[in-house]
Protein backbone atom coordinates (compact mmCIF):
# COMPACT_ATOMS: atom_id res chain seq x y z
CA MET A 1 63.74 -4.46 23.74
CA THR A 2 62.73 -3.47 20.23
CA ARG A 3 60.48 -5.49 18.05
CA ASN A 4 60.44 -5.14 14.31
CA ARG A 5 56.71 -5.54 13.96
CA PRO A 6 54.87 -2.81 12.08
CA LEU A 7 52.38 -0.82 14.10
CA VAL A 8 49.62 -1.41 11.56
CA ARG A 9 49.23 -4.98 10.55
CA PRO A 10 48.17 -5.78 6.96
CA HIS A 11 45.35 -8.09 8.04
CA VAL A 12 43.86 -5.27 10.11
CA ASP A 13 43.83 -3.01 7.05
CA ALA A 14 42.21 -5.78 5.02
CA TYR A 15 39.59 -6.26 7.76
CA ARG A 16 38.86 -2.51 7.83
CA ALA A 17 38.50 -2.44 4.03
CA LEU A 18 36.16 -5.43 4.11
CA LEU A 19 34.13 -3.84 6.91
CA ALA A 20 33.83 -0.60 4.94
CA GLU A 21 32.71 -2.54 1.87
CA CYS A 22 30.10 -4.40 3.93
CA ARG A 23 28.79 -1.13 5.36
CA ALA A 24 28.53 0.34 1.86
CA ASP A 25 26.65 -2.75 0.67
CA LEU A 26 24.26 -2.52 3.62
CA ALA A 27 23.67 1.17 2.96
CA GLN A 28 22.86 0.41 -0.69
CA LEU A 29 20.51 -2.42 0.33
CA ASP A 30 18.81 -0.15 2.86
CA PHE A 31 18.31 2.53 0.20
CA GLU A 32 16.83 0.03 -2.27
CA ASN A 33 14.59 -1.44 0.43
CA ALA A 34 13.33 2.01 1.41
CA ARG A 35 12.59 2.79 -2.25
CA ARG A 36 10.67 -0.47 -2.72
CA GLN A 37 8.76 0.14 0.51
CA ALA A 38 7.80 3.64 -0.67
CA ASP A 39 6.58 2.12 -3.97
CA ARG A 40 4.49 -0.43 -2.06
CA ASP A 41 3.09 2.29 0.21
CA ARG A 42 2.01 4.34 -2.84
CA GLU A 43 0.41 1.27 -4.41
CA ILE A 44 -1.44 0.45 -1.19
CA ALA A 45 -2.70 4.03 -0.94
CA ALA A 46 -4.00 3.85 -4.52
CA LEU A 47 -5.71 0.53 -3.84
CA ARG A 48 -7.32 1.92 -0.69
CA ALA A 49 -8.65 4.88 -2.67
CA GLU A 50 -10.12 2.50 -5.27
CA LEU A 51 -11.67 0.40 -2.51
CA GLU A 52 -13.31 3.45 -0.94
CA ALA A 53 -14.69 4.48 -4.35
CA LEU A 54 -16.06 0.97 -4.86
CA LYS A 55 -17.65 0.98 -1.40
CA SER A 56 -19.32 4.30 -2.20
CA ILE A 57 -20.72 2.92 -5.46
CA VAL A 58 -22.02 -0.20 -3.71
CA ARG A 59 -23.70 1.91 -1.01
CA ARG A 60 -25.39 4.12 -3.61
CA ARG A 61 -26.55 1.09 -5.56
CA HIS A 62 -27.94 -0.48 -2.38
CA LEU A 63 -29.85 2.73 -1.59
CA ALA A 64 -31.18 2.89 -5.15
CA GLU A 65 -32.36 -0.73 -4.91
CA GLN A 66 -34.10 0.03 -1.60
CA GLU A 67 -35.80 3.05 -3.12
CA LEU A 68 -36.87 1.01 -6.15
CA GLU A 69 -38.27 -1.71 -3.88
CA TYR A 70 -40.17 0.96 -1.91
CA LEU A 71 -41.64 2.37 -5.12
CA ARG A 72 -42.65 -1.11 -6.27
CA THR A 73 -44.32 -1.70 -2.91
CA LEU A 74 -46.25 1.55 -3.31
CA ARG A 75 -47.23 0.61 -6.84
CA ASP A 76 -48.49 -2.78 -5.76
CA ALA A 77 -50.36 -1.33 -2.78
CA GLU A 78 -52.18 1.28 -4.84
CA PRO A 79 -52.98 -0.03 -8.33
CA GLU A 80 -54.19 3.31 -9.68
CA LEU A 81 -50.90 4.96 -8.59
CA GLY A 82 -49.08 2.17 -10.39
CA GLN A 83 -50.98 3.02 -13.57
CA ARG A 84 -49.89 6.64 -13.35
CA LEU A 85 -46.24 5.65 -12.75
CA ASN A 86 -46.13 3.34 -15.78
């Protein structure tokens, strides 16, 4: 009993072509997503570095204010020392 059906059906070829196209699209989307993620990671790293620099400046300013307050306390406690500092 012989059938005249082709071994490869046209709709199967169309399905394979569509599947290959979908895989290519997903690969392209994955590449673009990875690139955007790398850009965001670099931006976050730069922002973290700026934040650490700002924290350092704030700490130094706080220490300077404490030292200034200490010197003012000394000045007020010993008037003659205050005269020499001014």
